[in-house]
Amino acid sequence: MGDVVSEVLVQKTKKNSFLVNVGLKTSSASEDNASKCELQAELVVEKQTSNDLREIVKTQQLQMDDMMKKFQDAETARAKQEEEFKKKQAETDILIKGLLSMIPPR
């Protein structure tokens, strides 16, 4: 029965580590080396992906910092304009009161 399962799994799967794991087959040195090579290749891909993601995050962080600086600069400029507007409004109010005081009462 184990031979039939072994044959089917060998034909249907690329890696038959299942048989090794359940003890129906022992792995050969060449299979171990192939498996190690596959794992090393996967590790290289994972490291590259990780490095790529770090670069993306770094770029996004720099963009966020730039956007925050622009926002803060815009907020400072807006506050300054608001203060200037209030000052001009106060000056205008004083001029209007002065003009109204010049008009003789009826």
C-alpha atoms as a PDB file:
ATOM      1  CA  MET A   1       0.000   0.000   0.000  1.00  0.00           C
ATOM      2  CA  GLY A   2       2.849   2.427   0.873  1.00  0.00           C
ATOM      3  CA  ASP A   3       4.452   1.787  -2.513  1.00  0.00           C
ATOM      4  CA  VAL A   4       1.247   2.732  -4.353  1.00  0.00           C
ATOM      5  CA  VAL A   5       0.903   5.956  -2.355  1.00  0.00           C
ATOM      6  CA  SER A   6       4.577   6.677  -2.919  1.00  0.00           C
ATOM      7  CA  GLU A   7       4.296   6.181  -6.681  1.00  0.00           C
ATOM      8  CA  VAL A   8       1.194   8.383  -6.972  1.00  0.00           C
ATOM      9  CA  LEU A   9       2.739  11.161  -4.896  1.00  0.00           C
ATOM     10  CA  VAL A  10       5.985  11.038  -6.861  1.00  0.00           C
ATOM     11  CA  GLN A  11       4.033  11.362 -10.113  1.00  0.00           C
ATOM     12  CA  LYS A  12       1.633  14.076  -8.906  1.00  0.00           C
ATOM     13  CA  THR A  13       3.883  16.323  -6.847  1.00  0.00           C
ATOM     14  CA  LYS A  14       7.110  18.174  -7.467  1.00  0.00           C
ATOM     15  CA  LYS A  15       8.318  17.695  -3.897  1.00  0.00           C
ATOM     16  CA  ASN A  16       7.442  14.520  -2.083  1.00  0.00           C
ATOM     17  CA  SER A  17       8.531  15.684   1.334  1.00  0.00           C
ATOM     18  CA  PHE A  18       5.224  14.372   2.665  1.00  0.00           C
ATOM     19  CA  LEU A  19       6.495  10.815   2.299  1.00  0.00           C
ATOM     20  CA  VAL A  20       9.710  11.691   4.107  1.00  0.00           C
ATOM     21  CA  ASN A  21       7.791  13.468   6.855  1.00  0.00           C
ATOM     22  CA  VAL A  22       5.450  10.541   7.493  1.00  0.00           C
ATOM     23  CA  GLY A  23       8.313   8.057   7.295  1.00  0.00           C
ATOM     24  CA  LEU A  24       7.262   6.201   4.134  1.00  0.00           C
ATOM     25  CA  LYS A  25      10.395   7.242   2.292  1.00  0.00           C
ATOM     26  CA  THR A  26      13.814   8.467   3.257  1.00  0.00           C
ATOM     27  CA  SER A  27      15.181  11.490   1.525  1.00  0.00           C
ATOM     28  CA  SER A  28      18.269  11.105  -0.554  1.00  0.00           C
ATOM     29  CA  ALA A  29      21.291  13.382  -0.398  1.00  0.00           C
ATOM     30  CA  SER A  30      20.449  14.821  -3.816  1.00  0.00           C
ATOM     31  CA  GLU A  31      16.892  15.572  -2.674  1.00  0.00           C
ATOM     32  CA  ASP A  32      18.280  17.199   0.467  1.00  0.00           C
ATOM     33  CA  ASN A  33      20.660  19.321  -1.624  1.00  0.00           C
ATOM     34  CA  ALA A  34      17.874  20.266  -4.037  1.00  0.00           C
ATOM     35  CA  SER A  35      15.644  21.138  -1.112  1.00  0.00           C
ATOM     36  CA  LYS A  36      18.420  23.243   0.458  1.00  0.00           C
ATOM     37  CA  CYS A  37      19.007  25.020  -2.847  1.00  0.00           C
ATOM     38  CA  GLU A  38      15.286  25.751  -3.173  1.00  0.00           C
ATOM     39  CA  LEU A  39      15.183  27.084   0.373  1.00  0.00           C
ATOM     40  CA  GLN A  40      18.248  29.235  -0.232  1.00  0.00           C
ATOM     41  CA  ALA A  41      16.703  30.600  -3.422  1.00  0.00           C
ATOM     42  CA  GLU A  42      13.475  31.349  -1.542  1.00  0.00           C
ATOM     43  CA  LEU A  43      15.491  33.072   1.179  1.00  0.00           C
ATOM     44  CA  VAL A  44      17.260  35.260  -1.383  1.00  0.00           C
ATOM     45  CA  VAL A  45      13.903  36.220  -2.903  1.00  0.00           C
ATOM     46  CA  GLU A  46      12.463  36.954   0.556  1.00  0.00           C
ATOM     47  CA  LYS A  47      15.462  39.129   1.457  1.00  0.00           C
ATOM     48  CA  GLN A  48      15.173  41.059  -1.806  1.00  0.00           C
ATOM     49  CA  THR A  49      11.443  41.520  -1.280  1.00  0.00           C
ATOM     50  CA  SER A  50      12.112  42.703   2.262  1.00  0.00           C
ATOM     51  CA  ASN A  51      14.730  45.181   1.036  1.00  0.00           C
ATOM     52  CA  ASP A  52      12.373  46.431  -1.667  1.00  0.00           C
ATOM     53  CA  LEU A  53       9.611  46.941   0.892  1.00  0.00           C
ATOM     54  CA  ARG A  54      11.994  48.801   3.201  1.00  0.00           C
ATOM     55  CA  GLU A  55      12.901  51.146   0.336  1.00  0.00           C
ATOM     56  CA  ILE A  56       9.217  51.750  -0.412  1.00  0.00           C
ATOM     57  CA  VAL A  57       8.501  52.516   3.242  1.00  0.00           C
ATOM     58  CA  LYS A  58      11.532  54.830   3.408  1.00  0.00           C
ATOM     59  CA  THR A  59      10.388  56.689   0.289  1.00  0.00           C
ATOM     60  CA  GLN A  60       6.852  57.004   1.636  1.00  0.00           C
ATOM     61  CA  GLN A  61       8.172  58.281   4.971  1.00  0.00           C
ATOM     62  CA  LEU A  62      10.218  60.960   3.181  1.00  0.00           C
ATOM     63  CA  GLN A  63       7.139  61.945   1.168  1.00  0.00           C
ATOM     64  CA  MET A  64       5.057  62.136   4.354  1.00  0.00           C
ATOM     65  CA  ASP A  65       7.715  64.297   6.040  1.00  0.00           C
ATOM     66  CA  ASP A  66       7.745  66.613   3.013  1.00  0.00           C
ATOM     67  CA  MET A  67       3.949  66.845   3.008  1.00  0.00           C
ATOM     68  CA  MET A  68       3.908  67.607   6.757  1.00  0.00           C
ATOM     69  CA  LYS A  69       6.453  70.402   6.278  1.00  0.00           C
ATOM     70  CA  LYS A  70       4.398  71.888   3.425  1.00  0.00           C
ATOM     71  CA  PHE A  71       1.239  71.630   5.533  1.00  0.00           C
ATOM     72  CA  GLN A  72       2.916  73.340   8.494  1.00  0.00           C
ATOM     73  CA  ASP A  73       4.266  76.088   6.229  1.00  0.00           C
ATOM     74  CA  ALA A  74       0.803  76.610   4.724  1.00  0.00           C
ATOM     75  CA  GLU A  75      -0.756  76.678   8.201  1.00  0.00           C
ATOM     76  CA  THR A  76       1.778  79.275   9.362  1.00  0.00           C
ATOM     77  CA  ALA A  77       1.089  81.419   6.278  1.00  0.00           C
ATOM     78  CA  ARG A  78      -2.675  81.126   6.825  1.00  0.00           C
ATOM     79  CA  ALA A  79      -2.350  82.168  10.475  1.00  0.00           C
ATOM     80  CA  LYS A  80      -0.216  85.150   9.448  1.00  0.00           C
ATOM     81  CA  GLN A  81      -2.782  86.217   6.822  1.00  0.00           C
ATOM     82  CA  GLU A  82      -5.583  85.886   9.366  1.00  0.00           C
ATOM     83  CA  GLU A  83      -3.674  88.065  11.832  1.00  0.00           C
ATOM     84  CA  GLU A  84      -3.050  90.709   9.132  1.00  0.00           C
ATOM     85  CA  PHE A  85      -6.731  90.628   8.185  1.00  0.00           C
ATOM     86  CA  LYS A  86      -7.787  91.162  11.811  1.00  0.00           C
ATOM     87  CA  LYS A  87      -5.363  94.092  12.108  1.00  0.00           C
ATOM     88  CA  LYS A  88      -6.675  95.715   8.905  1.00  0.00           C
ATOM     89  CA  GLN A  89     -10.265  95.108  10.023  1.00  0.00           C
ATOM     90  CA  ALA A  90      -9.536  96.836  13.344  1.00  0.00           C
ATOM     91  CA  GLU A  91      -7.973  99.804  11.499  1.00  0.00           C
ATOM     92  CA  THR A  92     -11.001  99.996   9.196  1.00  0.00           C
ATOM     93  CA  ASP A  93     -13.371  99.912  12.189  1.00  0.00           C
ATOM     94  CA  ILE A  94     -11.458 102.815  13.775  1.00  0.00           C
ATOM     95  CA  LEU A  95     -11.669 104.856  10.527  1.00  0.00           C
ATOM     96  CA  ILE A  96     -15.420 104.217  10.203  1.00  0.00           C
ATOM     97  CA  LYS A  97     -16.033 105.263  13.805  1.00  0.00           C
ATOM     98  CA  GLY A  98     -13.979 108.430  13.199  1.00  0.00           C
ATOM     99  CA  LEU A  99     -15.980 109.240  10.044  1.00  0.00           C
ATOM    100  CA  LEU A 100     -19.288 108.577  11.782  1.00  0.00           C
ATOM    101  CA  SER A 101     -18.286 110.871  14.634  1.00  0.00           C
ATOM    102  CA  MET A 102     -17.762 113.710  12.094  1.00  0.00           C
ATOM    103  CA  ILE A 103     -21.329 113.511  10.848  1.00  0.00           C
ATOM    104  CA  PRO A 104     -23.483 115.972  12.770  1.00  0.00           C
ATOM    105  CA  PRO A 105     -26.478 114.484  14.539  1.00  0.00           C
ATOM    106  CA  ARG A 106     -29.856 115.354  13.036  1.00  0.00           C
END
